[in-house]
Amino acid sequence: MNTRMRNISLYGGIAFVALFLSQLIGYWVNSSIEINSSMEINSFIHFTHIRNYGGIFGMGQGMGWLFGLISITLLIAVSAYLWIGKNIYRYEYICFGFIVGGGASNILDRLVYGSVIDFIDIQHIPYWNYIFNTADVMVHVGIWPMLLFSFLFNPSEKA
């Protein structure tokens, strides 16, 4: 198996694991914590089961279909980029695996439940009142290293 196919397999494996874990944890939250109720893990973290019918930070409530459509388009574009792109770094396959797995999990939530299951509720942070889910964490696990690596490892083109 050549390097490109190993990297594609790595990407697919990471995406599948991120999707599977996010769905498994979301299923547990959905079946264990009533909607609009909380379970205190400690004074800093609560699991508060809510439903997001919109997009990021709850914007566009009732327009989940639009965010789902945008997400599907982006996931297809990322996969096509990794499949046909030239000179792709290994870290891109890894980071995009987390991003696509998390994004796919939120899309699957919308298809199965009609909304995204959010539950991670961080307390005692000034001006922070957002609740998010494992899939969102997976997306961030992919995005932030991707940004860091792209600044550190990609040589800049001089005009």
N, C-alpha and C. Protein backbone atom coordinates (compact mmCIF):
# COMPACT_ATOMS: atom_id res chain seq x y z
N MET A 1 0.86 -1.18 0.00
CA MET A 1 0.00 0.00 0.00
C MET A 1 0.90 1.24 0.00
N ASN A 2 0.62 2.17 -0.90
CA ASN A 2 1.47 3.36 -0.97
C ASN A 2 1.12 4.36 0.14
N THR A 3 1.94 5.36 0.27
CA THR A 3 1.78 6.34 1.34
C THR A 3 0.45 7.07 1.25
N ARG A 4 0.04 7.44 0.07
CA ARG A 4 -1.23 8.16 -0.10
C ARG A 4 -2.40 7.33 0.41
N MET A 5 -2.43 6.04 0.07
CA MET A 5 -3.53 5.18 0.51
C MET A 5 -3.48 4.94 2.03
N ARG A 6 -2.27 4.86 2.58
CA ARG A 6 -2.15 4.75 4.05
C ARG A 6 -2.72 6.00 4.72
N ASN A 7 -2.42 7.16 4.14
CA ASN A 7 -2.92 8.41 4.71
C ASN A 7 -4.44 8.53 4.57
N ILE A 8 -4.97 8.09 3.43
CA ILE A 8 -6.43 8.09 3.24
C ILE A 8 -7.07 7.13 4.25
N SER A 9 -6.45 5.98 4.48
CA SER A 9 -6.97 5.02 5.46
C SER A 9 -6.91 5.60 6.87
N LEU A 10 -5.84 6.31 7.18
CA LEU A 10 -5.70 6.96 8.48
C LEU A 10 -6.81 8.00 8.65
N TYR A 11 -7.02 8.81 7.64
CA TYR A 11 -8.08 9.82 7.64
C TYR A 11 -9.44 9.16 7.89
N GLY A 12 -9.75 8.11 7.13
CA GLY A 12 -11.02 7.42 7.29
C GLY A 12 -11.18 6.78 8.65
N GLY A 13 -10.09 6.19 9.16
CA GLY A 13 -10.15 5.57 10.49
C GLY A 13 -10.39 6.58 11.59
N ILE A 14 -9.69 7.71 11.53
CA ILE A 14 -9.88 8.76 12.55
C ILE A 14 -11.30 9.32 12.45
N ALA A 15 -11.77 9.56 11.23
CA ALA A 15 -13.12 10.08 11.05
C ALA A 15 -14.15 9.11 11.61
N PHE A 16 -13.96 7.82 11.35
CA PHE A 16 -14.91 6.82 11.85
C PHE A 16 -14.90 6.77 13.38
N VAL A 17 -13.72 6.77 14.00
CA VAL A 17 -13.62 6.72 15.46
C VAL A 17 -14.24 7.96 16.08
N ALA A 18 -13.96 9.14 15.51
CA ALA A 18 -14.54 10.39 16.03
C ALA A 18 -16.06 10.35 15.92
N LEU A 19 -16.57 9.90 14.78
CA LEU A 19 -18.01 9.77 14.58
C LEU A 19 -18.61 8.78 15.57
N PHE A 20 -18.00 7.62 15.69
CA PHE A 20 -18.51 6.57 16.56
C PHE A 20 -18.55 7.02 18.03
N LEU A 21 -17.44 7.59 18.52
CA LEU A 21 -17.40 8.04 19.91
C LEU A 21 -18.41 9.15 20.18
N SER A 22 -18.51 10.09 19.26
CA SER A 22 -19.47 11.19 19.43
C SER A 22 -20.90 10.67 19.46
N GLN A 23 -21.21 9.72 18.58
CA GLN A 23 -22.55 9.16 18.56
C GLN A 23 -22.84 8.32 19.80
N LEU A 24 -21.85 7.54 20.23
CA LEU A 24 -22.03 6.71 21.42
C LEU A 24 -22.29 7.56 22.65
N ILE A 25 -21.51 8.61 22.83
CA ILE A 25 -21.69 9.49 23.99
C ILE A 25 -23.01 10.25 23.87
N GLY A 26 -23.36 10.71 22.67
CA GLY A 26 -24.64 11.39 22.46
C GLY A 26 -25.82 10.47 22.75
N TYR A 27 -25.71 9.21 22.36
CA TYR A 27 -26.75 8.23 22.65
C TYR A 27 -26.91 8.05 24.16
N TRP A 28 -25.77 7.97 24.86
CA TRP A 28 -25.82 7.83 26.32
C TRP A 28 -26.49 9.04 26.95
N VAL A 29 -26.13 10.24 26.52
CA VAL A 29 -26.75 11.46 27.06
C VAL A 29 -28.25 11.44 26.78
N ASN A 30 -28.62 11.11 25.55
CA ASN A 30 -30.03 11.11 25.16
C ASN A 30 -30.85 10.11 25.97
N SER A 31 -30.25 8.98 26.32
CA SER A 31 -31.01 7.96 27.05
C SER A 31 -30.85 8.05 28.56
N SER A 32 -29.92 8.88 29.06
CA SER A 32 -29.66 8.93 30.50
C SER A 32 -30.02 10.26 31.17
N ILE A 33 -30.03 11.33 30.41
CA ILE A 33 -30.29 12.66 30.98
C ILE A 33 -31.49 13.25 30.25
N GLU A 34 -32.50 13.62 31.00
CA GLU A 34 -33.68 14.22 30.39
C GLU A 34 -33.32 15.55 29.74
N ILE A 35 -34.03 15.87 28.66
CA ILE A 35 -33.80 17.15 27.98
C ILE A 35 -34.09 18.29 28.97
N ASN A 36 -33.24 19.30 28.92
CA ASN A 36 -33.31 20.49 29.78
C ASN A 36 -33.07 20.19 31.25
N SER A 37 -32.33 19.11 31.52
CA SER A 37 -31.91 18.84 32.90
C SER A 37 -30.40 18.66 32.92
N SER A 38 -29.83 18.74 34.13
CA SER A 38 -28.38 18.72 34.29
C SER A 38 -27.92 17.63 35.22
N MET A 39 -26.70 17.17 34.98
CA MET A 39 -26.01 16.26 35.88
C MET A 39 -24.68 16.93 36.21
N GLU A 40 -24.44 17.18 37.47
CA GLU A 40 -23.19 17.83 37.87
C GLU A 40 -22.07 16.80 37.93
N ILE A 41 -21.04 17.00 37.14
CA ILE A 41 -19.86 16.14 37.17
C ILE A 41 -18.94 16.64 38.28
N ASN A 42 -18.67 17.92 38.28
CA ASN A 42 -17.98 18.61 39.36
C ASN A 42 -18.42 20.07 39.29
N SER A 43 -17.83 20.94 40.11
CA SER A 43 -18.30 22.33 40.13
C SER A 43 -17.98 23.07 38.82
N PHE A 44 -17.09 22.53 38.02
CA PHE A 44 -16.68 23.17 36.77
C PHE A 44 -17.45 22.63 35.56
N ILE A 45 -17.74 21.33 35.55
CA ILE A 45 -18.38 20.69 34.40
C ILE A 45 -19.72 20.09 34.79
N HIS A 46 -20.74 20.45 34.03
CA HIS A 46 -22.06 19.84 34.15
C HIS A 46 -22.41 19.23 32.80
N PHE A 47 -23.19 18.18 32.82
CA PHE A 47 -23.77 17.65 31.59
C PHE A 47 -25.22 18.13 31.57
N THR A 48 -25.51 19.08 30.71
CA THR A 48 -26.84 19.67 30.58
C THR A 48 -27.37 19.31 29.20
N HIS A 49 -28.38 18.46 29.15
CA HIS A 49 -28.91 17.95 27.89
C HIS A 49 -29.85 18.99 27.27
N ILE A 50 -29.41 19.56 26.16
CA ILE A 50 -30.25 20.47 25.40
C ILE A 50 -30.22 20.04 23.93
N ARG A 51 -31.10 20.62 23.16
CA ARG A 51 -31.14 20.36 21.72
C ARG A 51 -30.87 21.66 20.98
N ASN A 52 -30.02 21.58 19.98
CA ASN A 52 -29.69 22.72 19.14
C ASN A 52 -30.34 22.50 17.78
N TYR A 53 -31.32 23.33 17.46
CA TYR A 53 -32.02 23.23 16.19
C TYR A 53 -31.45 24.20 15.16
N GLY A 54 -30.32 24.81 15.50
CA GLY A 54 -29.68 25.77 14.61
C GLY A 54 -28.25 25.37 14.33
N GLY A 55 -27.36 26.37 14.36
CA GLY A 55 -25.96 26.14 14.04
C GLY A 55 -25.07 26.49 15.20
N ILE A 56 -23.86 26.93 14.89
CA ILE A 56 -22.85 27.22 15.88
C ILE A 56 -23.35 28.26 16.89
N PHE A 57 -23.10 28.00 18.15
CA PHE A 57 -23.53 28.85 19.26
C PHE A 57 -25.04 29.08 19.26
N GLY A 58 -25.79 28.15 18.67
CA GLY A 58 -27.24 28.24 18.67
C GLY A 58 -27.80 29.25 17.68
N MET A 59 -26.98 29.80 16.81
CA MET A 59 -27.48 30.77 15.84
C MET A 59 -28.38 30.07 14.82
N GLY A 60 -29.33 30.83 14.29
CA GLY A 60 -30.19 30.32 13.23
C GLY A 60 -31.08 29.17 13.68
N GLN A 61 -31.69 29.31 14.84
CA GLN A 61 -32.58 28.24 15.33
C GLN A 61 -33.67 27.95 14.31
N GLY A 62 -33.94 26.68 14.09
CA GLY A 62 -34.93 26.25 13.12
C GLY A 62 -34.36 26.11 11.71
N MET A 63 -33.08 26.44 11.54
CA MET A 63 -32.46 26.34 10.22
C MET A 63 -31.40 25.25 10.21
N GLY A 64 -31.59 24.22 11.01
CA GLY A 64 -30.65 23.12 11.07
C GLY A 64 -30.42 22.47 9.73
N TRP A 65 -31.47 22.42 8.90
CA TRP A 65 -31.35 21.83 7.56
C TRP A 65 -30.29 22.56 6.74
N LEU A 66 -30.22 23.90 6.89
CA LEU A 66 -29.24 24.68 6.14
C LEU A 66 -27.82 24.38 6.62
N PHE A 67 -27.65 24.31 7.94
CA PHE A 67 -26.34 23.99 8.49
C PHE A 67 -25.94 22.56 8.13
N GLY A 68 -26.90 21.65 8.09
CA GLY A 68 -26.63 20.28 7.67
C GLY A 68 -26.19 20.23 6.22
N LEU A 69 -26.86 20.98 5.35
CA LEU A 69 -26.52 21.02 3.93
C LEU A 69 -25.12 21.60 3.71
N ILE A 70 -24.83 22.69 4.41
CA ILE A 70 -23.49 23.30 4.33
C ILE A 70 -22.43 22.31 4.81
N SER A 71 -22.72 21.63 5.91
CA SER A 71 -21.78 20.67 6.48
C SER A 71 -21.51 19.51 5.52
N ILE A 72 -22.55 18.98 4.92
CA ILE A 72 -22.37 17.88 3.97
C ILE A 72 -21.49 18.32 2.80
N THR A 73 -21.75 19.52 2.30
CA THR A 73 -20.95 20.05 1.19
C THR A 73 -19.48 20.19 1.60
N LEU A 74 -19.24 20.71 2.79
CA LEU A 74 -17.86 20.87 3.26
C LEU A 74 -17.16 19.52 3.46
N LEU A 75 -17.87 18.53 3.99
CA LEU A 75 -17.26 17.23 4.21
C LEU A 75 -16.91 16.56 2.88
N ILE A 76 -17.75 16.72 1.90
CA ILE A 76 -17.46 16.18 0.56
C ILE A 76 -16.26 16.90 -0.04
N ALA A 77 -16.21 18.22 0.12
CA ALA A 77 -15.09 19.00 -0.43
C ALA A 77 -13.77 18.61 0.23
N VAL A 78 -13.77 18.43 1.55
CA VAL A 78 -12.55 18.03 2.26
C VAL A 78 -12.10 16.65 1.78
N SER A 79 -13.03 15.73 1.67
CA SER A 79 -12.68 14.38 1.21
C SER A 79 -12.13 14.41 -0.21
N ALA A 80 -12.72 15.21 -1.07
CA ALA A 80 -12.23 15.32 -2.45
C ALA A 80 -10.84 15.94 -2.46
N TYR A 81 -10.62 16.96 -1.64
CA TYR A 81 -9.30 17.59 -1.54
C TYR A 81 -8.24 16.57 -1.14
N LEU A 82 -8.54 15.75 -0.14
CA LEU A 82 -7.58 14.76 0.32
C LEU A 82 -7.37 13.66 -0.71
N TRP A 83 -8.40 13.34 -1.47
CA TRP A 83 -8.31 12.26 -2.45
C TRP A 83 -7.53 12.68 -3.70
N ILE A 84 -7.77 13.90 -4.19
CA ILE A 84 -7.16 14.30 -5.46
C ILE A 84 -6.07 15.36 -5.32
N GLY A 85 -5.92 15.93 -4.12
CA GLY A 85 -4.94 17.00 -3.95
C GLY A 85 -3.51 16.52 -4.07
N LYS A 86 -2.65 17.44 -4.38
CA LYS A 86 -1.22 17.16 -4.50
C LYS A 86 -0.49 17.73 -3.29
N ASN A 87 0.60 17.10 -2.90
CA ASN A 87 1.47 17.60 -1.81
C ASN A 87 0.72 17.86 -0.52
N ILE A 88 -0.06 16.88 -0.10
CA ILE A 88 -0.82 17.01 1.15
C ILE A 88 0.01 16.42 2.28
N TYR A 89 0.13 17.18 3.34
CA TYR A 89 0.90 16.74 4.50
C TYR A 89 0.11 15.71 5.31
N ARG A 90 0.82 14.84 5.99
CA ARG A 90 0.18 13.81 6.81
C ARG A 90 -0.71 14.42 7.89
N TYR A 91 -0.24 15.53 8.49
CA TYR A 91 -1.05 16.15 9.55
C TYR A 91 -2.41 16.60 9.02
N GLU A 92 -2.50 16.92 7.72
CA GLU A 92 -3.80 17.32 7.16
C GLU A 92 -4.78 16.15 7.17
N TYR A 93 -4.31 14.96 6.83
CA TYR A 93 -5.17 13.78 6.87
C TYR A 93 -5.66 13.54 8.30
N ILE A 94 -4.75 13.67 9.25
CA ILE A 94 -5.10 13.44 10.65
C ILE A 94 -6.10 14.48 11.14
N CYS A 95 -5.76 15.75 10.96
CA CYS A 95 -6.63 16.82 11.44
C CYS A 95 -7.99 16.80 10.76
N PHE A 96 -8.00 16.62 9.43
CA PHE A 96 -9.27 16.55 8.73
C PHE A 96 -10.08 15.33 9.15
N GLY A 97 -9.44 14.26 9.58
CA GLY A 97 -10.16 13.10 10.09
C GLY A 97 -11.01 13.48 11.30
N PHE A 98 -10.43 14.22 12.23
CA PHE A 98 -11.19 14.68 13.40
C PHE A 98 -12.31 15.63 13.00
N ILE A 99 -12.00 16.56 12.11
CA ILE A 99 -12.99 17.55 11.68
C ILE A 99 -14.17 16.87 10.98
N VAL A 100 -13.88 15.98 10.06
CA VAL A 100 -14.93 15.30 9.31
C VAL A 100 -15.73 14.36 10.21
N GLY A 101 -15.07 13.64 11.11
CA GLY A 101 -15.79 12.76 12.03
C GLY A 101 -16.74 13.53 12.92
N GLY A 102 -16.27 14.65 13.48
CA GLY A 102 -17.14 15.48 14.32
C GLY A 102 -18.28 16.09 13.52
N GLY A 103 -17.96 16.61 12.34
CA GLY A 103 -19.01 17.18 11.49
C GLY A 103 -20.04 16.16 11.08
N ALA A 104 -19.58 14.96 10.73
CA ALA A 104 -20.50 13.89 10.34
C ALA A 104 -21.40 13.49 11.51
N SER A 105 -20.87 13.53 12.72
CA SER A 105 -21.68 13.19 13.89
C SER A 105 -22.81 14.21 14.09
N ASN A 106 -22.50 15.49 13.92
CA ASN A 106 -23.56 16.50 14.05
C ASN A 106 -24.59 16.36 12.93
N ILE A 107 -24.16 16.01 11.72
CA ILE A 107 -25.10 15.77 10.62
C ILE A 107 -25.99 14.58 10.96
N LEU A 108 -25.39 13.51 11.47
CA LEU A 108 -26.17 12.32 11.83
C LEU A 108 -27.18 12.63 12.93
N ASP A 109 -26.78 13.44 13.92
CA ASP A 109 -27.73 13.88 14.95
C ASP A 109 -28.94 14.57 14.31
N ARG A 110 -28.67 15.46 13.37
CA ARG A 110 -29.77 16.18 12.72
C ARG A 110 -30.70 15.22 11.98
N LEU A 111 -30.12 14.20 11.34
CA LEU A 111 -30.93 13.24 10.61
C LEU A 111 -31.74 12.33 11.54
N VAL A 112 -31.12 11.89 12.63
CA VAL A 112 -31.77 10.94 13.53
C VAL A 112 -32.73 11.63 14.51
N TYR A 113 -32.29 12.74 15.11
CA TYR A 113 -33.05 13.39 16.17
C TYR A 113 -33.73 14.69 15.72
N GLY A 114 -33.38 15.19 14.55
CA GLY A 114 -33.93 16.47 14.10
C GLY A 114 -33.23 17.67 14.71
N SER A 115 -32.19 17.41 15.49
CA SER A 115 -31.42 18.47 16.16
C SER A 115 -30.11 17.86 16.63
N VAL A 116 -29.21 18.72 17.08
CA VAL A 116 -27.93 18.25 17.60
C VAL A 116 -28.05 18.15 19.12
N ILE A 117 -27.58 17.03 19.67
CA ILE A 117 -27.58 16.83 21.12
C ILE A 117 -26.35 17.53 21.69
N ASP A 118 -26.56 18.58 22.47
CA ASP A 118 -25.47 19.28 23.15
C ASP A 118 -25.59 19.02 24.64
N PHE A 119 -24.44 18.93 25.33
CA PHE A 119 -24.51 18.58 26.75
C PHE A 119 -23.33 19.06 27.59
N ILE A 120 -22.21 19.38 27.02
CA ILE A 120 -21.04 19.77 27.81
C ILE A 120 -21.22 21.23 28.21
N ASP A 121 -21.39 21.44 29.49
CA ASP A 121 -21.72 22.75 30.05
C ASP A 121 -20.62 23.15 31.02
N ILE A 122 -19.74 24.04 30.59
CA ILE A 122 -18.63 24.50 31.42
C ILE A 122 -19.11 25.68 32.26
N GLN A 123 -18.89 25.60 33.55
CA GLN A 123 -19.37 26.62 34.49
C GLN A 123 -18.25 27.57 34.91
N HIS A 124 -18.63 28.73 35.40
CA HIS A 124 -17.73 29.69 36.05
C HIS A 124 -16.71 30.32 35.12
N ILE A 125 -17.03 30.44 33.84
CA ILE A 125 -16.17 31.18 32.92
C ILE A 125 -16.94 32.45 32.56
N PRO A 126 -16.37 33.61 32.85
CA PRO A 126 -17.09 34.86 32.55
C PRO A 126 -17.45 34.96 31.07
N TYR A 127 -18.67 35.38 30.80
CA TYR A 127 -19.21 35.60 29.46
C TYR A 127 -19.32 34.32 28.63
N TRP A 128 -19.22 33.16 29.24
CA TRP A 128 -19.36 31.90 28.52
C TRP A 128 -20.61 31.20 29.01
N ASN A 129 -21.57 31.04 28.13
CA ASN A 129 -22.79 30.32 28.50
C ASN A 129 -23.22 29.35 27.41
N TYR A 130 -22.24 28.78 26.72
CA TYR A 130 -22.53 27.87 25.62
C TYR A 130 -22.44 26.43 26.08
N ILE A 131 -23.25 25.60 25.48
CA ILE A 131 -23.24 24.17 25.73
C ILE A 131 -22.92 23.50 24.39
N PHE A 132 -22.01 22.55 24.42
CA PHE A 132 -21.55 21.92 23.18
C PHE A 132 -21.50 20.42 23.36
N ASN A 133 -20.99 19.70 22.37
CA ASN A 133 -20.98 18.23 22.45
C ASN A 133 -19.62 17.66 22.07
N THR A 134 -19.51 16.36 22.12
CA THR A 134 -18.26 15.67 21.81
C THR A 134 -17.85 15.90 20.36
N ALA A 135 -18.81 15.94 19.45
CA ALA A 135 -18.49 16.18 18.04
C ALA A 135 -17.83 17.54 17.86
N ASP A 136 -18.32 18.54 18.58
CA ASP A 136 -17.72 19.88 18.51
C ASP A 136 -16.28 19.84 19.02
N VAL A 137 -16.04 19.06 20.06
CA VAL A 137 -14.68 18.91 20.59
C VAL A 137 -13.79 18.27 19.52
N MET A 138 -14.30 17.25 18.84
CA MET A 138 -13.52 16.59 17.78
C MET A 138 -13.16 17.58 16.68
N VAL A 139 -14.10 18.43 16.29
CA VAL A 139 -13.83 19.43 15.26
C VAL A 139 -12.70 20.35 15.72
N HIS A 140 -12.74 20.77 16.97
CA HIS A 140 -11.68 21.65 17.49
C HIS A 140 -10.35 20.93 17.64
N VAL A 141 -10.40 19.65 17.97
CA VAL A 141 -9.16 18.85 18.04
C VAL A 141 -8.49 18.81 16.67
N GLY A 142 -9.28 18.92 15.60
CA GLY A 142 -8.72 18.96 14.26
C GLY A 142 -8.34 20.35 13.79
N ILE A 143 -9.17 21.34 14.09
CA ILE A 143 -8.95 22.70 13.56
C ILE A 143 -7.72 23.37 14.14
N TRP A 144 -7.57 23.36 15.46
CA TRP A 144 -6.49 24.14 16.08
C TRP A 144 -5.10 23.62 15.73
N PRO A 145 -4.85 22.31 15.78
CA PRO A 145 -3.53 21.84 15.31
C PRO A 145 -3.33 22.11 13.82
N MET A 146 -4.41 22.00 13.03
CA MET A 146 -4.30 22.28 11.59
C MET A 146 -3.81 23.70 11.37
N LEU A 147 -4.40 24.65 12.08
CA LEU A 147 -3.96 26.05 11.94
C LEU A 147 -2.51 26.22 12.38
N LEU A 148 -2.18 25.64 13.52
CA LEU A 148 -0.82 25.76 14.05
C LEU A 148 0.19 25.14 13.08
N PHE A 149 -0.07 23.92 12.64
CA PHE A 149 0.86 23.24 11.72
C PHE A 149 0.96 23.96 10.39
N SER A 150 -0.15 24.50 9.91
CA SER A 150 -0.09 25.17 8.60
C SER A 150 0.78 26.42 8.67
N PHE A 151 0.81 27.08 9.81
CA PHE A 151 1.69 28.24 9.96
C PHE A 151 3.14 27.83 10.16
N LEU A 152 3.37 26.71 10.84
CA LEU A 152 4.74 26.29 11.16
C LEU A 152 5.41 25.51 10.04
N PHE A 153 4.67 24.66 9.33
CA PHE A 153 5.30 23.73 8.41
C PHE A 153 5.14 24.04 6.93
N ASN A 154 4.15 24.82 6.56
CA ASN A 154 3.97 25.14 5.14
C ASN A 154 4.82 26.34 4.78
N PRO A 155 5.73 26.15 3.84
CA PRO A 155 6.55 27.29 3.44
C PRO A 155 5.69 28.35 2.75
N SER A 156 5.89 29.59 3.13
CA SER A 156 5.09 30.65 2.51
C SER A 156 5.64 30.98 1.14
N GLU A 157 4.74 31.31 0.25
CA GLU A 157 5.12 31.68 -1.12
C GLU A 157 5.47 33.16 -1.15
N LYS A 158 6.59 33.48 -1.75
CA LYS A 158 6.95 34.88 -1.89
C LYS A 158 6.44 35.39 -3.23
N ALA A 159 5.93 36.60 -3.20
CA ALA A 159 5.36 37.20 -4.43
C ALA A 159 6.45 37.55 -5.40
